[in-house]
Amino acid sequence: MPTRNISLTAEQDAFVERVVRAGEYQNASEAIRDALRVLQQKRREDALKLRALRVKIKAGLEALERGDFTEVTDADLDQYLAGLAAGKNPP
């Protein structure tokens, strides 16, 4: 297994020490590897969210080009949003 030297802040080091002392991990390496797995998972989830957002933006732009939208004035915005939340206005 490759070895790396890393620098941690005092707070990060204390956290690693706490979780190891609490028995959550056998050693600091396990704790850091788990933290990296969580970071990898977060990045995968963020990439999926970004892809989904791009699909929704594309659909929205296509709807605008078709003229398929509802124009709402500033004065009516709160009421319109409340209606959306209540399922009364079509999205």
Protein backbone atom coordinates (compact mmCIF):
# COMPACT_ATOMS: atom_id res chain seq x y z
CA MET A 1 0.00 0.00 0.00
CA PRO A 2 1.48 3.40 -0.94
CA THR A 3 2.51 5.70 1.88
CA ARG A 4 2.03 9.48 1.92
CA ASN A 5 3.06 12.12 4.39
CA ILE A 6 0.30 14.66 4.97
CA SER A 7 0.01 17.76 7.09
CA LEU A 8 -3.07 18.26 9.23
CA THR A 9 -4.24 21.25 11.19
CA ALA A 10 -4.22 20.86 14.96
CA GLU A 11 -8.01 20.57 14.88
CA GLN A 12 -7.93 17.83 12.23
CA ASP A 13 -5.25 15.93 14.11
CA ALA A 14 -7.24 16.13 17.35
CA PHE A 15 -10.32 14.83 15.53
CA VAL A 16 -8.42 11.86 14.10
CA GLU A 17 -7.02 11.12 17.55
CA ARG A 18 -10.52 11.28 19.08
CA VAL A 19 -12.10 8.86 16.61
CA VAL A 20 -9.21 6.42 16.99
CA ARG A 21 -9.32 6.62 20.79
CA ALA A 22 -13.10 6.13 20.67
CA GLY A 23 -12.51 2.87 18.82
CA GLU A 24 -14.20 3.96 15.59
CA TYR A 25 -10.98 3.19 13.71
CA GLN A 26 -7.97 1.02 14.47
CA ASN A 27 -5.54 3.78 13.52
CA ALA A 28 -5.16 7.18 11.88
CA SER A 29 -4.66 5.65 8.43
CA GLU A 30 -8.07 3.96 8.58
CA ALA A 31 -9.70 7.24 9.60
CA ILE A 32 -8.04 9.17 6.77
CA ARG A 33 -8.90 6.46 4.21
CA ASP A 34 -12.54 6.62 5.31
CA ALA A 35 -12.49 10.41 4.99
CA LEU A 36 -11.15 10.05 1.45
CA ARG A 37 -13.90 7.53 0.60
CA VAL A 38 -16.48 10.04 1.81
CA LEU A 39 -14.86 12.77 -0.30
CA GLN A 40 -14.90 10.50 -3.36
CA GLN A 41 -18.57 9.67 -2.80
CA LYS A 42 -19.44 13.36 -2.37
CA ARG A 43 -17.70 14.19 -5.63
CA ARG A 44 -19.58 11.43 -7.46
CA GLU A 45 -22.87 12.72 -6.04
CA ASP A 46 -21.98 16.31 -6.96
CA ALA A 47 -21.20 15.21 -10.54
CA LEU A 48 -24.57 13.44 -10.79
CA LYS A 49 -26.39 16.49 -9.42
CA LEU A 50 -24.59 18.72 -11.91
CA ARG A 51 -25.55 16.42 -14.78
CA ALA A 52 -29.19 16.43 -13.65
CA LEU A 53 -29.15 20.22 -13.32
CA ARG A 54 -27.76 20.57 -16.85
CA VAL A 55 -30.57 18.36 -18.17
CA LYS A 56 -33.16 20.53 -16.40
CA ILE A 57 -31.55 23.74 -17.70
CA LYS A 58 -31.60 22.34 -21.24
CA ALA A 59 -35.27 21.41 -20.86
CA GLY A 60 -36.03 24.88 -19.52
CA LEU A 61 -34.26 26.59 -22.38
CA GLU A 62 -36.10 24.41 -24.88
CA ALA A 63 -39.41 25.30 -23.20
CA LEU A 64 -38.54 28.98 -23.48
CA GLU A 65 -37.75 28.59 -27.18
CA ARG A 66 -41.15 26.91 -27.70
CA GLY A 67 -42.86 29.70 -25.78
CA ASP A 68 -43.96 27.19 -23.17
CA PHE A 69 -43.72 29.32 -20.02
CA THR A 70 -45.78 31.43 -17.68
CA GLU A 71 -44.87 35.05 -17.16
CA VAL A 72 -45.26 36.22 -13.55
CA THR A 73 -44.94 39.82 -12.41
CA ASP A 74 -42.95 40.79 -9.32
CA ALA A 75 -46.19 41.67 -7.56
CA ASP A 76 -47.63 38.20 -8.17
CA LEU A 77 -44.47 36.16 -7.54
CA ASP A 78 -45.13 35.26 -3.89
CA GLN A 79 -48.67 34.16 -4.66
CA TYR A 80 -47.52 32.15 -7.70
CA LEU A 81 -44.80 30.37 -5.70
CA ALA A 82 -47.26 29.59 -2.92
CA GLY A 83 -49.57 28.09 -5.52
CA LEU A 84 -46.72 25.94 -6.88
CA ALA A 85 -45.94 24.71 -3.38
CA ALA A 86 -49.61 23.83 -2.89
CA GLY A 87 -49.75 22.08 -6.28
CA LYS A 88 -52.19 24.62 -7.71
CA ASN A 89 -50.10 26.16 -10.51
CA PRO A 90 -48.58 24.03 -13.26
CA PRO A 91 -44.76 24.20 -13.22
